[in-house]
N, C-alpha and C. Protein backbone atom coordinates (compact mmCIF):
# COMPACT_ATOMS: atom_id res chain seq x y z
N MET A 1 -118.00 -85.89 57.34
CA MET A 1 -118.72 -84.61 56.99
C MET A 1 -118.16 -83.81 56.33
N ARG A 2 -116.81 -83.63 56.10
CA ARG A 2 -116.35 -82.74 55.26
C ARG A 2 -116.57 -83.27 53.73
N GLY A 3 -116.45 -84.64 53.48
CA GLY A 3 -116.81 -85.07 52.20
C GLY A 3 -118.04 -84.75 51.67
N LEU A 4 -119.25 -84.79 52.75
CA LEU A 4 -120.52 -84.19 52.46
C LEU A 4 -120.62 -82.75 52.09
N LEU A 5 -119.86 -82.01 52.73
CA LEU A 5 -119.88 -80.48 52.48
C LEU A 5 -119.25 -80.07 50.87
N VAL A 6 -118.33 -81.12 50.57
CA VAL A 6 -117.52 -80.83 49.23
C VAL A 6 -118.44 -81.28 48.25
N ALA A 7 -119.30 -82.58 48.64
CA ALA A 7 -120.00 -82.90 47.46
C ALA A 7 -121.18 -82.12 47.27
N LEU A 8 -121.62 -81.59 48.36
CA LEU A 8 -122.99 -80.50 47.98
C LEU A 8 -122.31 -79.28 47.47
N ASN A 9 -121.02 -78.82 47.55
CA ASN A 9 -120.61 -77.70 46.96
C ASN A 9 -120.47 -77.91 45.48
N ILE A 10 -120.00 -79.17 45.21
CA ILE A 10 -119.76 -79.68 43.82
C ILE A 10 -121.23 -79.54 43.13
N VAL A 11 -122.16 -79.99 43.78
CA VAL A 11 -123.63 -80.06 43.18
C VAL A 11 -124.16 -78.68 43.05
N SER A 12 -123.72 -77.88 43.83
CA SER A 12 -124.41 -76.41 43.69
C SER A 12 -123.66 -75.82 42.72
N LEU A 13 -122.28 -76.01 42.23
CA LEU A 13 -121.86 -75.48 41.33
C LEU A 13 -122.24 -75.95 40.00
N ALA A 14 -122.60 -77.17 39.75
CA ALA A 14 -123.12 -77.93 38.69
C ALA A 14 -124.38 -77.47 38.44
N VAL A 15 -125.23 -77.26 39.45
CA VAL A 15 -126.61 -76.58 39.35
C VAL A 15 -126.63 -75.17 38.50
N ALA A 16 -125.76 -74.46 39.20
CA ALA A 16 -125.58 -73.20 38.89
C ALA A 16 -124.72 -72.80 37.23
N ALA A 17 -123.85 -73.89 37.04
CA ALA A 17 -123.52 -73.85 35.63
C ALA A 17 -124.56 -74.20 34.65
N PHE A 18 -125.42 -75.22 35.05
CA PHE A 18 -126.40 -75.61 34.44
C PHE A 18 -127.48 -74.67 34.30
N LEU A 19 -127.73 -73.66 35.21
CA LEU A 19 -128.62 -72.65 34.98
C LEU A 19 -128.12 -71.73 34.03
N VAL A 20 -126.76 -71.46 34.16
CA VAL A 20 -126.20 -70.36 33.30
C VAL A 20 -126.21 -70.88 31.75
N PHE A 21 -125.96 -72.14 31.56
CA PHE A 21 -125.96 -72.93 30.31
C PHE A 21 -127.26 -72.87 29.75
N ALA A 22 -128.31 -72.94 30.59
CA ALA A 22 -129.75 -73.13 30.14
C ALA A 22 -130.16 -71.71 29.77
N ASN A 23 -129.72 -70.57 30.37
CA ASN A 23 -130.04 -69.34 30.12
C ASN A 23 -129.38 -68.82 29.00
N GLN A 24 -128.18 -69.45 28.65
CA GLN A 24 -127.76 -68.86 27.30
C GLN A 24 -128.10 -69.36 26.10
N THR A 25 -128.46 -70.91 26.26
CA THR A 25 -129.08 -71.31 25.16
C THR A 25 -130.49 -71.21 24.86
N GLY A 26 -131.18 -70.82 26.03
CA GLY A 26 -132.61 -70.49 25.77
C GLY A 26 -133.44 -71.86 25.98
N VAL A 27 -132.96 -72.89 26.82
CA VAL A 27 -133.79 -74.11 26.98
C VAL A 27 -134.95 -73.81 27.64
N THR A 28 -134.74 -73.14 29.02
CA THR A 28 -135.78 -72.68 29.63
C THR A 28 -136.40 -71.22 29.39
N GLY A 29 -137.32 -71.17 30.24
CA GLY A 29 -137.94 -69.79 29.96
C GLY A 29 -137.17 -68.57 30.81
N ASN A 30 -138.09 -68.06 31.35
CA ASN A 30 -137.58 -66.80 32.06
C ASN A 30 -137.04 -67.20 33.55
N GLY A 31 -137.32 -68.38 33.91
CA GLY A 31 -136.72 -68.79 35.43
C GLY A 31 -135.31 -68.86 35.62
N ALA A 32 -134.77 -69.39 34.61
CA ALA A 32 -133.26 -69.75 34.69
C ALA A 32 -132.54 -68.24 34.93
N SER A 33 -132.93 -67.37 33.93
CA SER A 33 -132.29 -66.02 33.94
C SER A 33 -132.46 -65.43 35.22
N SER A 34 -133.52 -65.37 36.06
CA SER A 34 -134.07 -64.68 37.18
C SER A 34 -133.17 -65.30 38.23
N VAL A 35 -133.19 -66.67 38.07
CA VAL A 35 -132.61 -67.34 39.28
C VAL A 35 -130.95 -67.20 39.13
N SER A 36 -130.26 -67.15 38.03
CA SER A 36 -128.97 -66.92 38.05
C SER A 36 -128.37 -65.55 38.16
N ALA A 37 -129.39 -64.53 37.86
CA ALA A 37 -129.23 -63.24 38.04
C ALA A 37 -129.24 -63.00 39.70
N SER A 38 -130.18 -63.53 40.42
CA SER A 38 -130.44 -63.49 41.92
C SER A 38 -129.27 -64.31 42.68
N MET A 39 -128.52 -65.37 42.00
CA MET A 39 -127.68 -66.05 42.37
C MET A 39 -126.30 -65.19 42.18
N ALA A 40 -126.41 -64.41 41.34
CA ALA A 40 -124.95 -63.59 40.84
C ALA A 40 -125.09 -62.20 42.08
N GLY A 41 -126.30 -61.85 42.40
CA GLY A 41 -126.25 -60.70 43.40
C GLY A 41 -126.94 -59.47 42.70
N ALA A 42 -127.36 -59.71 41.34
CA ALA A 42 -127.95 -58.71 40.59
C ALA A 42 -129.50 -58.58 40.96
N PRO A 43 -130.20 -57.41 40.80
CA PRO A 43 -131.58 -57.58 41.10
C PRO A 43 -132.30 -58.29 40.12
N ALA A 44 -132.96 -59.36 40.29
CA ALA A 44 -133.65 -59.87 39.03
C ALA A 44 -135.13 -59.58 39.25
N PRO A 45 -135.64 -59.63 38.19
CA PRO A 45 -137.17 -59.09 38.28
C PRO A 45 -138.12 -60.18 38.80
N GLY A 46 -139.08 -59.91 39.62
CA GLY A 46 -139.86 -60.68 40.11
C GLY A 46 -139.44 -61.79 41.19
N VAL A 47 -138.42 -61.19 41.86
CA VAL A 47 -137.60 -62.13 42.78
C VAL A 47 -137.60 -61.15 44.29
N ARG A 48 -138.22 -61.59 45.24
CA ARG A 48 -138.04 -60.97 46.51
C ARG A 48 -136.91 -61.20 47.12
N ARG A 49 -136.02 -60.14 47.45
CA ARG A 49 -134.81 -60.30 48.10
C ARG A 49 -135.01 -60.27 49.61
N PHE A 50 -134.39 -61.10 50.33
CA PHE A 50 -134.53 -61.19 51.84
C PHE A 50 -134.25 -59.98 52.60
N ALA A 51 -133.45 -59.09 52.20
CA ALA A 51 -133.04 -57.92 52.79
C ALA A 51 -134.45 -56.99 52.37
N PRO A 52 -135.05 -56.55 53.35
CA PRO A 52 -136.02 -55.15 53.12
C PRO A 52 -135.67 -54.11 52.20
N GLN A 53 -136.29 -53.54 51.32
CA GLN A 53 -135.81 -52.40 50.53
C GLN A 53 -136.23 -51.24 51.14
N ARG A 54 -135.14 -50.18 51.28
CA ARG A 54 -135.35 -49.10 52.05
C ARG A 54 -135.19 -47.87 51.18
């Protein structure tokens, strides 16, 4: 069970690194930047946050 969690953690880190790399090199369009920004906690344009805006 712990090995599965470690594997998922490594995969998620790899996906995040790939999104940041794709955002810097400009391989993908505006999607990677918004996804990486939302993962970093910054307000990304066009992304609805789960917390309601007050």
